[in-house]
Protein backbone atom coordinates (compact mmCIF):
# COMPACT_ATOMS: atom_id res chain seq x y z
CA MET A 1 -2.64 17.29 32.03
CA VAL A 2 -1.97 20.94 31.26
CA LEU A 3 1.73 21.68 31.07
CA ILE A 4 2.46 25.36 31.64
CA ALA A 5 6.21 25.41 31.06
CA ALA A 6 9.36 23.27 30.90
CA ALA A 7 12.70 24.63 32.05
CA VAL A 8 16.29 23.72 32.86
CA CYS A 9 17.68 25.68 35.79
CA THR A 10 20.55 25.56 38.25
CA LYS A 11 20.12 24.49 41.84
CA ALA A 12 20.52 28.14 42.81
CA GLY A 13 17.43 29.04 40.76
CA LYS A 14 19.09 30.52 37.65
CA THR A 15 17.04 29.73 34.54
CA ILE A 16 19.10 28.45 31.59
CA VAL A 17 16.38 27.38 29.13
CA SER A 18 12.64 27.81 29.49
CA ARG A 19 9.78 27.04 27.13
CA GLN A 20 6.19 28.17 27.85
CA PHE A 21 3.31 26.21 26.30
CA VAL A 22 0.43 28.50 27.34
CA GLU A 23 -0.06 32.26 27.18
CA MET A 24 1.91 33.75 30.07
CA SER A 25 3.87 36.93 30.73
CA LYS A 26 7.64 36.87 31.07
CA ALA A 27 7.48 38.30 34.60
CA ARG A 28 5.07 35.55 35.69
CA ILE A 29 7.22 32.66 34.46
CA GLU A 30 10.38 34.23 35.87
CA GLY A 31 8.66 34.56 39.24
CA LEU A 32 7.55 30.92 39.23
CA LEU A 33 11.03 29.65 38.34
CA ALA A 34 12.74 31.94 40.87
CA ALA A 35 10.50 30.60 43.65
CA PHE A 36 11.08 26.94 42.76
CA PRO A 37 14.42 26.24 44.57
CA LYS A 38 13.07 27.78 47.79
CA LEU A 39 10.14 25.35 47.81
CA ILE A 40 12.18 22.14 47.59
CA PRO A 41 11.99 20.38 50.99
CA VAL A 42 15.29 19.40 52.58
CA GLY A 43 16.03 15.74 53.27
CA THR A 44 13.13 14.27 51.29
CA GLN A 45 12.97 12.08 48.21
CA HIS A 46 9.94 13.72 46.60
CA THR A 47 10.09 14.74 42.93
CA PHE A 48 7.29 17.27 43.05
CA VAL A 49 6.20 20.22 45.15
CA GLU A 50 2.96 22.20 45.08
CA THR A 51 1.87 25.78 45.74
CA ASP A 52 -1.60 27.28 45.84
CA SER A 53 -1.71 27.66 42.06
CA VAL A 54 0.83 25.33 40.36
CA ARG A 55 2.73 22.08 40.76
CA TYR A 56 6.47 21.72 40.14
CA VAL A 57 7.63 18.30 38.92
CA TYR A 58 11.41 18.07 38.85
CA GLN A 59 14.35 15.73 38.35
CA PRO A 60 17.96 16.47 39.38
CA LEU A 61 20.53 16.41 36.52
CA GLU A 62 23.85 16.56 38.35
CA ARG A 63 24.11 20.30 39.20
CA LEU A 64 20.93 21.20 37.31
CA TYR A 65 17.18 20.60 37.56
CA MET A 66 14.76 19.59 34.80
CA VAL A 67 11.52 21.26 35.90
CA LEU A 68 7.94 20.99 34.61
CA ILE A 69 5.33 23.48 35.82
CA THR A 70 1.79 22.10 35.61
CA THR A 71 -1.62 22.87 37.03
CA ARG A 72 -2.53 21.25 40.32
CA ALA A 73 -5.33 19.29 38.64
CA SER A 74 -3.00 17.47 36.24
CA ASN A 75 -2.34 13.74 36.55
CA ILE A 76 0.87 13.28 38.56
CA LEU A 77 1.66 9.93 36.89
CA GLU A 78 1.46 11.49 33.43
CA ASP A 79 3.55 14.41 34.73
CA LEU A 80 6.30 12.06 35.87
CA GLU A 81 6.29 10.12 32.59
CA THR A 82 6.56 13.37 30.62
CA LEU A 83 9.35 14.54 32.91
CA ARG A 84 11.37 11.40 32.17
CA LEU A 85 11.03 12.02 28.44
CA PHE A 86 12.20 15.63 28.84
CA ALA A 87 15.19 14.46 30.89
CA ARG A 88 16.14 11.90 28.20
CA VAL A 89 16.04 14.54 25.47
CA ILE A 90 18.78 16.69 27.02
CA PRO A 91 21.68 14.17 26.63
CA GLU A 92 20.63 13.67 23.00
CA TYR A 93 21.70 17.23 22.15
CA CYS A 94 24.24 18.04 24.89
CA ARG A 95 27.50 16.20 25.37
CA SER A 96 27.56 17.05 29.07
CA LEU A 97 25.09 18.34 31.63
CA GLU A 98 26.92 21.63 32.07
CA GLU A 99 25.38 25.09 31.94
CA SER A 100 27.56 26.18 28.98
CA GLU A 101 26.57 23.09 26.97
CA ILE A 102 22.87 23.69 27.65
CA VAL A 103 23.18 27.32 26.50
CA GLU A 104 25.05 26.31 23.33
CA ASN A 105 22.31 23.85 22.32
CA ALA A 106 19.36 25.87 23.63
CA PHE A 107 17.54 26.14 20.29
CA SER A 108 17.82 22.41 19.60
CA LEU A 109 16.36 21.69 23.04
CA ILE A 110 13.49 24.13 22.48
CA PHE A 111 12.65 22.50 19.15
CA ALA A 112 12.64 19.09 20.86
CA PHE A 113 10.46 20.42 23.71
CA ASP A 114 7.94 21.66 21.13
CA GLU A 115 7.67 18.15 19.71
CA ILE A 116 6.80 16.73 23.13
CA VAL A 117 4.12 19.25 24.12
CA ALA A 118 1.67 21.21 21.97
CA LEU A 119 -0.60 23.89 23.47
CA GLY A 120 0.00 22.50 26.94
CA TYR A 121 -0.87 18.88 26.16
CA ARG A 122 1.50 15.92 25.82
CA GLU A 123 1.94 14.48 22.32
CA SER A 124 2.07 10.73 21.77
CA ILE A 125 5.71 10.58 20.75
CA ASN A 126 8.91 8.78 21.67
CA LEU A 127 12.58 9.77 21.68
CA SER A 128 13.34 8.31 18.25
CA GLN A 129 10.45 10.23 16.66
CA ILE A 130 11.58 13.47 18.32
CA ARG A 131 15.05 13.04 16.85
CA THR A 132 13.62 12.36 13.40
CA PHE A 133 11.25 15.34 13.42
CA VAL A 134 13.88 17.79 14.67
CA GLU A 135 16.45 16.67 12.09
CA MET A 136 14.11 16.74 9.08
CA ASP A 137 15.65 18.36 6.04
CA SER A 138 14.43 21.73 4.79
CA HIS A 139 14.27 22.17 1.04
CA GLU A 140 14.28 25.96 1.43
CA GLU A 141 17.44 25.79 3.55
CA LYS A 142 19.20 23.62 0.96
CA VAL A 143 18.27 26.08 -1.82
CA TYR A 144 19.51 28.99 0.30
CA GLN A 145 22.81 27.24 1.03
CA ALA A 146 23.31 26.42 -2.66
CA VAL A 147 22.67 30.04 -3.69
CA ARG A 148 25.02 31.30 -0.99
CA GLN A 149 27.82 28.94 -2.05
CA THR A 150 27.41 30.05 -5.66
CA GLN A 151 27.67 33.72 -4.63
CA GLU A 152 30.78 33.00 -2.57
CA ARG A 153 32.43 31.22 -5.52
CA GLU A 154 31.61 34.09 -7.86
CA ALA A 155 32.99 36.63 -5.38
CA LYS A 156 36.19 34.64 -4.98
CA ASN A 157 36.62 34.36 -8.75
CA LYS A 158 36.16 38.12 -9.14
CA MET A 159 38.76 38.60 -6.44
CA TRP A 160 41.24 36.48 -8.38
CA GLU A 161 40.50 38.33 -11.60
CA LYS A 162 40.93 41.75 -9.99
CA ALA A 163 44.13 40.78 -8.19
CA LYS A 164 45.68 39.41 -11.38
CA GLU A 165 44.73 42.55 -13.28
CA LEU A 166 46.34 44.82 -10.67
CA GLN A 167 49.50 42.75 -10.61
CA ARG A 168 49.78 42.75 -14.41
CA GLN A 169 49.29 46.50 -14.60
CA LYS A 170 52.07 47.01 -12.10
CA ILE A 171 54.44 44.70 -14.01
CA GLU A 172 53.67 46.31 -17.38
CA ALA A 173 54.22 49.78 -15.90
CA LYS A 174 57.65 48.73 -14.65
CA LYS A 175 58.59 47.26 -18.05
CA LEU A 176 57.62 50.47 -19.85
CA GLY A 177 59.46 52.63 -17.32
CA LYS A 178 56.27 54.33 -16.22
CA PRO A 179 55.48 55.12 -12.60
CA SER A 180 53.50 52.42 -10.87
CA PHE A 181 50.34 52.97 -8.93
CA GLY A 182 52.43 53.64 -5.85
CA ASN A 183 54.11 56.78 -7.32
CA SER A 184 52.65 60.25 -7.60
CA GLY A 185 52.84 62.02 -10.93
CA GLY A 186 51.06 64.00 -13.60
CA PHE A 187 51.28 67.80 -13.66
CA GLY A 188 53.15 67.90 -10.34
CA SER A 189 50.09 66.86 -8.41
CA THR A 190 50.67 64.78 -5.29
CA THR A 191 47.02 64.22 -4.46
CA SER A 192 46.27 60.51 -4.43
CA TYR A 193 43.00 58.70 -4.67
CA THR A 194 42.42 55.18 -3.42
CA PRO A 195 39.29 53.60 -4.86
CA THR A 196 36.91 51.96 -2.43
CA PRO A 197 36.89 48.18 -2.87
CA SER A 198 33.72 46.85 -4.43
CA VAL A 199 32.34 43.30 -4.38
CA GLY A 200 35.06 40.94 -5.56
CA ASP A 201 37.91 43.42 -4.96
CA ILE A 202 40.68 42.48 -2.59
CA VAL A 203 42.25 44.81 -0.06
CA ASN A 204 45.92 44.64 0.97
CA VAL A 205 46.96 42.39 -1.91
CA SER A 206 50.60 43.33 -1.36
CA ASN A 207 52.56 46.15 0.18
CA ASP A 208 52.84 47.89 -3.21
CA ILE A 209 49.14 47.71 -4.03
CA LYS A 210 48.08 48.67 -0.51
CA THR A 211 49.56 52.18 -0.89
CA SER A 212 48.48 52.61 -4.50
CA SER A 213 47.36 55.96 -5.87
CA TYR A 214 45.84 56.96 -9.17
CA THR A 215 46.63 60.18 -11.04
CA ALA A 216 45.36 61.81 -14.21
CA ALA A 217 48.59 61.07 -16.09
CA GLN A 218 48.42 57.33 -15.39
CA LYS A 219 46.97 55.58 -18.47
CA PRO A 220 45.36 52.18 -18.08
CA VAL A 221 47.23 49.28 -19.60
CA SER A 222 45.32 48.06 -22.63
CA LYS A 223 46.77 44.59 -22.69
CA GLY A 224 44.12 41.97 -21.85
CA MET A 225 44.38 39.08 -19.45
CA LYS A 226 46.44 36.28 -20.89
CA LEU A 227 44.67 32.91 -20.74
CA GLY A 228 47.79 30.90 -20.12
CA GLY A 229 49.54 29.20 -17.21
CA LYS A 230 49.96 30.85 -13.83
CA GLY A 231 52.46 33.67 -13.83
CA LYS A 232 54.91 34.54 -11.11
CA ASP A 233 52.69 37.43 -10.05
CA VAL A 234 49.76 35.10 -9.33
CA GLU A 235 52.04 32.61 -7.60
CA SER A 236 53.34 35.33 -5.29
CA PHE A 237 49.79 36.38 -4.49
CA VAL A 238 48.81 32.78 -3.71
CA ASP A 239 51.92 32.35 -1.55
CA GLN A 240 50.94 35.44 0.43
CA LEU A 241 47.45 34.06 1.10
CA LYS A 242 48.92 30.70 2.11
CA SER A 243 51.36 32.41 4.49
CA GLU A 244 48.35 33.94 6.25
CA GLY A 245 46.91 30.48 6.78
CA GLU A 246 44.30 30.61 4.01
CA LYS A 247 43.70 27.43 2.02
CA VAL A 248 43.56 28.51 -1.63
CA ASN A 249 42.59 26.53 -4.71
CA ALA A 250 43.32 28.66 -7.76
CA PRO A 251 40.85 28.48 -10.68
CA THR A 252 42.26 26.82 -13.77
CA ILE A 253 42.00 27.73 -17.45
CA ASN A 254 39.21 25.19 -17.86
CA SER A 255 37.08 27.26 -15.50
CA ILE A 256 37.23 30.43 -17.62
CA SER A 257 34.43 31.35 -20.02
CA GLN A 258 33.57 34.47 -21.99
CA THR A 259 31.09 35.58 -19.34
CA GLY A 260 33.63 35.41 -16.50
CA LEU A 261 35.14 32.82 -14.20
CA LYS A 262 32.95 29.85 -13.43
CA ILE A 263 33.66 26.62 -11.64
CA SER A 264 33.18 23.77 -14.07
CA ALA A 265 31.53 20.52 -13.03
CA VAL A 266 33.90 17.62 -12.49
CA ASN A 267 33.22 13.96 -13.05
CA LYS A 268 29.51 14.26 -13.77
CA LEU A 269 27.66 11.06 -13.01
CA ASP A 270 26.16 9.28 -16.00
CA VAL A 271 22.49 8.92 -15.12
CA ASP A 272 20.13 6.56 -16.97
CA ASP A 273 16.34 6.81 -17.23
CA VAL A 274 16.20 4.56 -14.17
CA HIS A 275 18.54 5.87 -11.49
CA LEU A 276 18.92 4.59 -7.93
CA ARG A 277 20.78 6.35 -5.15
CA LEU A 278 21.82 4.55 -1.96
CA GLU A 279 22.79 7.04 0.72
CA GLU A 280 23.99 6.28 4.25
CA LYS A 281 24.98 8.74 6.94
CA LEU A 282 26.53 8.06 10.31
CA LEU A 283 26.18 9.90 13.61
CA LEU A 284 28.99 8.77 15.91
CA SER A 285 30.33 10.07 19.21
CA ILE A 286 33.02 8.12 21.10
CA GLY A 287 34.64 8.85 24.44
CA ARG A 288 38.35 9.56 24.36
CA ASN A 289 38.88 6.65 26.78
CA GLY A 290 36.53 4.34 24.88
CA GLY A 291 32.81 3.75 25.03
CA ILE A 292 30.24 4.75 22.43
CA GLN A 293 28.08 7.72 23.43
CA GLN A 294 26.11 7.74 20.17
CA PHE A 295 26.05 5.45 17.16
CA GLU A 296 23.26 5.89 14.66
CA LEU A 297 23.39 4.76 11.05
CA SER A 298 20.56 5.76 8.74
CA GLY A 299 20.20 4.75 5.11
CA LEU A 300 17.83 5.47 2.25
CA ILE A 301 17.36 4.20 -1.31
CA THR A 302 15.71 6.66 -3.67
CA LEU A 303 14.41 5.83 -7.14
CA HIS A 304 14.21 8.30 -10.05
CA ILE A 305 12.32 7.38 -13.25
CA GLY A 306 13.14 9.62 -16.20
CA ASN A 307 11.03 7.85 -18.84
CA GLU A 308 7.44 6.71 -18.37
CA LYS A 309 7.97 3.43 -20.23
CA TRP A 310 10.20 2.23 -17.37
CA GLY A 311 7.71 3.14 -14.62
CA ARG A 312 6.50 -0.41 -13.92
CA ILE A 313 9.60 -2.05 -12.52
CA ARG A 314 10.92 -3.99 -9.53
CA VAL A 315 14.30 -3.45 -7.87
CA GLN A 316 16.27 -6.49 -6.72
CA ILE A 317 18.09 -5.92 -3.43
CA GLU A 318 20.84 -7.97 -1.77
CA ASN A 319 21.10 -7.72 2.02
CA GLN A 320 24.21 -9.27 3.62
CA ASP A 321 23.80 -7.49 6.95
CA SER A 322 24.54 -9.42 10.13
CA ARG A 323 24.45 -6.57 12.66
CA GLY A 324 20.68 -6.20 13.07
CA VAL A 325 19.88 -3.32 10.71
CA GLN A 326 16.17 -2.45 10.87
CA LEU A 327 14.66 -2.18 7.37
CA GLN A 328 11.45 -0.35 6.49
CA THR A 329 9.82 -0.06 3.07
CA HIS A 330 7.62 2.75 1.79
CA PRO A 331 3.90 2.24 2.61
CA ASN A 332 3.11 1.82 -1.11
CA VAL A 333 5.74 -0.91 -1.53
CA ASP A 334 4.67 -4.56 -1.43
CA LYS A 335 6.07 -5.77 1.91
CA GLU A 336 5.45 -9.47 1.24
CA LEU A 337 7.31 -9.25 -2.05
CA PHE A 338 10.23 -7.65 -0.25
CA LYS A 339 10.25 -10.27 2.54
CA MET A 340 10.00 -13.26 0.20
CA ARG A 341 12.15 -12.17 -2.77
CA SER A 342 14.04 -9.04 -1.57
CA GLN A 343 12.38 -7.07 -4.35
CA ILE A 344 11.03 -3.53 -4.18
CA GLY A 345 7.79 -3.21 -6.14
CA LEU A 346 4.48 -1.42 -5.75
CA LYS A 347 1.48 -3.07 -4.04
CA GLN A 348 -0.47 -2.43 -7.23
CA PRO A 349 1.83 -3.70 -10.03
CA ALA A 350 -0.38 -2.14 -12.71
CA LYS A 351 0.55 1.34 -11.47
CA PRO A 352 3.93 2.91 -12.34
CA PHE A 353 6.34 4.65 -9.98
CA PRO A 354 6.09 8.49 -10.00
CA LEU A 355 7.83 10.08 -12.99
CA LYS A 356 10.78 12.50 -12.78
CA THR A 357 10.86 12.72 -9.01
CA ASP A 358 13.07 11.16 -6.32
CA VAL A 359 11.04 8.57 -4.43
CA GLY A 360 12.29 6.98 -1.22
CA VAL A 361 11.51 3.26 -1.42
CA LEU A 362 13.58 1.68 1.37
CA LYS A 363 15.17 3.03 4.52
CA TRP A 364 17.08 1.47 7.38
CA ARG A 365 18.48 2.37 10.76
CA LEU A 366 21.03 0.89 13.16
CA HIS A 367 21.68 1.85 16.79
CA SER A 368 24.43 0.23 18.81
CA THR A 369 26.86 0.59 21.70
CA ASP A 370 29.19 -2.09 20.34
CA GLU A 371 32.62 -0.55 19.68
CA SER A 372 33.35 -3.18 17.01
CA PHE A 373 30.75 -1.43 14.82
CA VAL A 374 32.93 1.70 14.56
CA PRO A 375 34.26 1.79 10.97
CA LEU A 376 37.44 3.79 11.69
CA GLN A 377 39.02 3.55 15.14
CA ILE A 378 40.81 6.76 16.25
CA ASN A 379 43.18 6.79 19.23
CA CYS A 380 44.37 10.25 20.29
CA TRP A 381 46.92 10.18 23.12
CA PRO A 382 48.18 13.60 24.32
CA SER A 383 50.72 13.65 27.15
CA GLU A 384 52.20 16.62 28.97
CA ALA A 385 55.92 17.29 28.61
CA GLY A 386 58.06 18.94 31.24
CA ASP A 387 58.35 22.30 29.44
CA GLY A 388 54.61 23.06 29.42
CA SER A 389 54.03 21.57 25.97
CA CYS A 390 52.16 18.43 24.92
CA ASP A 391 53.34 15.48 22.86
CA VAL A 392 50.41 14.15 20.85
CA ASN A 393 50.28 10.69 19.27
CA ILE A 394 47.24 9.90 17.16
CA GLU A 395 46.59 6.80 15.11
CA TYR A 396 43.81 5.29 13.02
CA GLU A 397 42.82 1.72 12.21
CA LEU A 398 40.21 0.59 9.69
CA ALA A 399 37.98 -1.79 11.62
CA GLN A 400 35.70 -2.72 8.70
CA ALA A 401 37.99 -4.28 6.10
CA ASP A 402 35.33 -4.28 3.35
CA LEU A 403 35.06 -0.45 3.41
CA GLU A 404 37.08 1.89 1.23
CA LEU A 405 37.20 5.44 2.64
CA THR A 406 38.38 8.29 0.44
CA ASP A 407 39.52 11.83 1.24
CA VAL A 408 39.77 11.10 4.96
CA ASN A 409 40.40 14.15 7.14
CA ILE A 410 41.13 13.80 10.86
CA ILE A 411 40.78 17.28 12.38
CA ILE A 412 42.60 17.95 15.68
CA PRO A 413 41.81 21.25 17.46
CA LEU A 414 44.76 23.32 18.74
CA PRO A 415 45.12 26.03 21.38
CA ILE A 416 44.85 29.60 20.06
CA GLY A 417 48.12 30.70 18.49
CA CYS A 418 49.70 27.23 18.75
CA VAL A 419 52.12 26.19 15.97
CA PRO A 420 52.56 22.41 16.11
CA VAL A 421 55.88 20.74 15.32
CA VAL A 422 55.11 17.56 13.38
CA GLY A 423 57.50 14.65 13.75
CA GLU A 424 56.15 11.62 11.90
CA CYS A 425 53.13 11.58 9.62
CA ASP A 426 51.54 8.92 7.43
CA GLY A 427 49.76 10.85 4.69
CA THR A 428 49.78 14.65 4.61
CA TYR A 429 48.88 17.38 7.08
CA THR A 430 47.85 21.04 6.99
CA HIS A 431 48.06 23.56 9.83
CA GLU A 432 45.08 25.89 9.50
CA SER A 433 46.15 28.72 11.79
CA ARG A 434 43.01 30.78 11.33
CA LYS A 435 40.83 27.91 12.49
CA ASN A 436 43.34 26.74 15.15
CA GLN A 437 43.35 23.16 13.93
CA LEU A 438 45.62 20.53 12.40
CA VAL A 439 44.09 18.59 9.51
CA TRP A 440 45.56 15.14 8.88
CA ASN A 441 44.60 13.88 5.42
CA MET A 442 44.72 10.43 3.81
CA PRO A 443 43.57 10.15 0.18
CA ILE A 444 42.36 6.61 0.73
CA ILE A 445 42.05 4.12 3.60
CA ASP A 446 41.27 0.52 2.66
CA ASP A 447 42.37 -3.03 3.38
CA THR A 448 45.86 -2.29 2.02
CA ASN A 449 46.24 0.89 4.09
CA LYS A 450 44.51 0.02 7.35
CA ASN A 451 46.81 1.77 9.84
CA GLY A 452 48.55 5.10 10.15
CA SER A 453 49.91 7.46 12.78
CA LEU A 454 50.78 11.11 13.36
CA GLU A 455 53.06 12.57 16.02
CA PHE A 456 53.48 16.24 16.88
CA ASN A 457 54.44 18.57 19.71
CA ALA A 458 52.26 21.53 20.70
CA PRO A 459 53.77 24.27 22.91
CA ARG A 460 51.79 25.80 25.77
CA ALA A 461 49.03 23.18 25.72
CA ILE A 462 47.18 20.74 27.93
CA PRO A 463 45.63 17.38 26.89
CA ASN A 464 42.05 18.71 26.86
CA ASP A 465 42.98 21.21 24.13
CA PHE A 466 43.04 18.47 21.47
CA PHE A 467 39.43 17.32 21.82
CA PRO A 468 36.97 16.80 20.29
CA VAL A 469 38.73 15.17 17.34
CA SER A 470 36.44 15.08 14.29
CA VAL A 471 36.61 12.91 11.18
CA THR A 472 35.26 13.39 7.65
CA PHE A 473 35.36 10.99 4.72
CA SER A 474 33.32 9.63 1.84
CA SER A 475 32.82 6.10 0.60
CA LYS A 476 31.18 4.37 -2.34
CA THR A 477 30.62 1.24 -0.25
CA SER A 478 27.51 0.59 1.82
CA TYR A 479 28.24 0.18 5.53
CA ALA A 480 25.11 -1.94 6.02
CA LYS A 481 26.14 -4.25 3.13
CA ILE A 482 22.96 -3.53 1.22
CA LYS A 483 23.35 -3.60 -2.56
CA ILE A 484 21.17 -2.90 -5.58
CA ILE A 485 21.56 -6.00 -7.78
CA ASP A 486 19.20 -5.47 -10.71
CA VAL A 487 16.11 -3.71 -12.06
CA LEU A 488 13.43 -5.84 -13.73
CA LEU A 489 10.25 -5.11 -15.67
CA VAL A 490 7.05 -6.19 -13.96
CA ASP A 491 5.58 -7.86 -17.07
CA ASP A 492 8.34 -10.30 -18.06
CA ASP A 493 11.19 -9.85 -15.50
CA SER A 494 13.46 -8.65 -18.30
CA PRO A 495 16.42 -6.54 -17.10
CA VAL A 496 16.24 -2.75 -17.40
CA LYS A 497 19.24 -0.54 -18.00
CA HIS A 498 19.83 1.54 -14.91
CA SER A 499 22.46 3.53 -13.04
CA CYS A 500 23.34 3.26 -9.37
CA GLU A 501 25.02 5.63 -6.98
CA THR A 502 26.22 4.65 -3.49
CA VAL A 503 27.50 7.13 -0.93
CA PHE A 504 28.35 6.64 2.74
CA TYR A 505 29.56 9.58 4.84
CA PRO A 506 29.60 10.78 8.46
CA GLU A 507 27.18 13.53 9.45
CA LYS A 508 29.05 13.73 12.75
CA TYR A 509 32.09 11.67 13.74
CA GLU A 510 33.71 12.84 16.96
CA ILE A 511 36.04 11.61 19.67
CA VAL A 512 35.13 13.70 22.71
């Protein structure tokens, strides 16, 4: 078959997303798609229609059409099979089959379409492979994000330093009886000059600083920045930022070095020459009235060898899973050894593992529609009150008693400008007015703290305003109950000193 284009359009003929797989002008493809709705016969059950030059293969998606444009010589059976795959891709990236949702996820759909068809010909690929290829990590993107976060931290630190300096100068000027920046002076001149903020400066720090002026008679204060506790001036500045809805974490004295303000590393992990990292991430989407829309757990064990004398090893694994997790070892790993003894070792024991690089040795995946698999059950129940407001009751319950979740944040969206009135709350909450959301935080949820609830009233709201509810957390416990027991030398099975790191977190956790 030769596939010319794939598109999602409305039943009126409006094109929402279109991807061409052969060289074709924009006017030509727009003409083909505009003519498509007029060619659909009325009262028939056909899923294709032909013209003199092309064939349209289509499938209704509620108020939309998934359309493939092919040559007339293409195999209609292959066309229909490809159409079904295209139609299954759309719900993977769109929560509903609405025009706005399609537009919002247009780029993700185009990337997925490109995995299905290359240069007009169908690739041998299934839905799971499409999802994997589209979601592959980019090392360049991670480096860019790390550099950007570092620049943002440095800019914020410079902002703090500049703000503290301006506040101290104003206080010292008042103590010495000199005019502050807000007063004119010096040889009777009333001309003021407001310096343009540079990188790291802060504008509108306070009402006094906002109208500041600088004159020739004003001498800079020579006293340096005191490396002590927070002064009242800094506290007032922080309070002002908090009043505007900004979440501020002030840098501490431990973060200050001679070259400027730097964020110091906290709780660095002790890593041995043999280090193993077990990482699990969860993609979960649940309907507000129940029913799992998406549940996908993926896990990976990576091995890092820092010393060549520990290269020839085997890793002992314990698997207590009872939910049907699908395990897969690296192609170079001895599969029989793993099946018989739950050990990860190379097919050629004489060869060592790669040195000073992270090597993925075991991965697993779990798909399910069983609601009992959900680790943290969230029940959000908004109800309309008689005065146009909404009373919202939300509760959580830890469904997997063996898990320990830390720094749990349940994020409830709010209508624009809404100020919620919180009644009862287990844990703590923060109203982030700039983001129009209420963040409910629990430091830890485990077997001793399995349940909790939050109640609040939101004026001028309707129940749909509080969805989707999203959840973030971290855990040092494996969801799949896979553990790293020991590391042994190949030659004599003697134990090797090693370090392990386990992390389980949600990549997406939503109640929609």
